Amino acid sequence: MKVALAQVPCSLGDKEENIARMGKMMKKTEADLFVFAEMYLTGYMCRDLYFRLAERADGESVRKIGKLAEEHGSTILFGMPVLDDEVPGLIKNSAVAVSPDGLVQRYDKLYPANFGPFEEKLYFAPGRSPKMFDINGTKIGVIICFDIFFPELSKSYALNGAEAIVCIAASPPTSRPFFEKLIPARAIENTVYFVYVNQVGTQLNQVYFGGSEAVGPRGDTLVKGKYYEEDLNAIDIEPAQLSLARNMRPTLRDTLGPEEMIEFPRVE
């Protein structure tokens, strides 16, 4: 399966323009899956505008993106603010995948960031559970930005059959050293492909460094996007490489279940 990493600046608060930019980027290459950044539909620094911009996962913007998916024969995965299905007034920071056949899959961020320059808990309720996406028969575990710091989430996807983990992000330069260490670590410890697509450009007072990248299941960098510029790269997810990695370093085989975890003696 071919995956395109679409690193595209957002027009803050302008959903129509961002969908148009999505379409222009998709004309540049063919891929089974196009991945855009966290909150790509609206931009990340919308603050109180989120309450006006949020839509249901079957709303107008998703339907428009569905037409793009059908036109190009590709699934499109992107970030957007989604109105909660059960509790009126709540918003989720979500990753949505729209397939050419109209299938919509959604994951809500489990760990909204609320420290330093991040204010997500002012606007977003946390998700309730992980969500495995099925893209043309390939199992994709989806996480959003700060989720990467919780290794048990990526591990749970791998243990449930994920062949790749996709992380969409809105990461500023201060976060760059952390992400560039964690991306290969998550790939190696779980023997999965790891795809990271970041916001790029400036929104209000926040700069995003781009640097989208993909790492193979043995930790090798497959593609690396430009810093601070629009960019487009693609990789192939190859099952044979997954098998090779898992045979050579069987981390999944040897992962301890909860009942097997080593119990350390209590220090009085």
Foldseek 3Di string as FASTA:
>chain_A
DKEKQWADAADAQDQVVLLVVVLVVCVVDAGQEYEAFFQSRHDDPNVPCLQVFAEALPDDSVVSVLVSQLVRQHKYKYWHWYQDPPDGPAIFTKIWIAHNVGDIDMDGAQDQDPDDPGNCVVHHDHTDAWDWDQRVNATETEHEAVVLVPLVSLQVSLLVPHQEYEYHYADAPVCVVVCVVSQLVSLALSLHKYWYFYHAQDDDPTGGFTFTWIAGSNSHTDDTDHTRDTDMDMDDRDVVSSVVSCVVPVNSVPDDDPVRDDDDDDDD
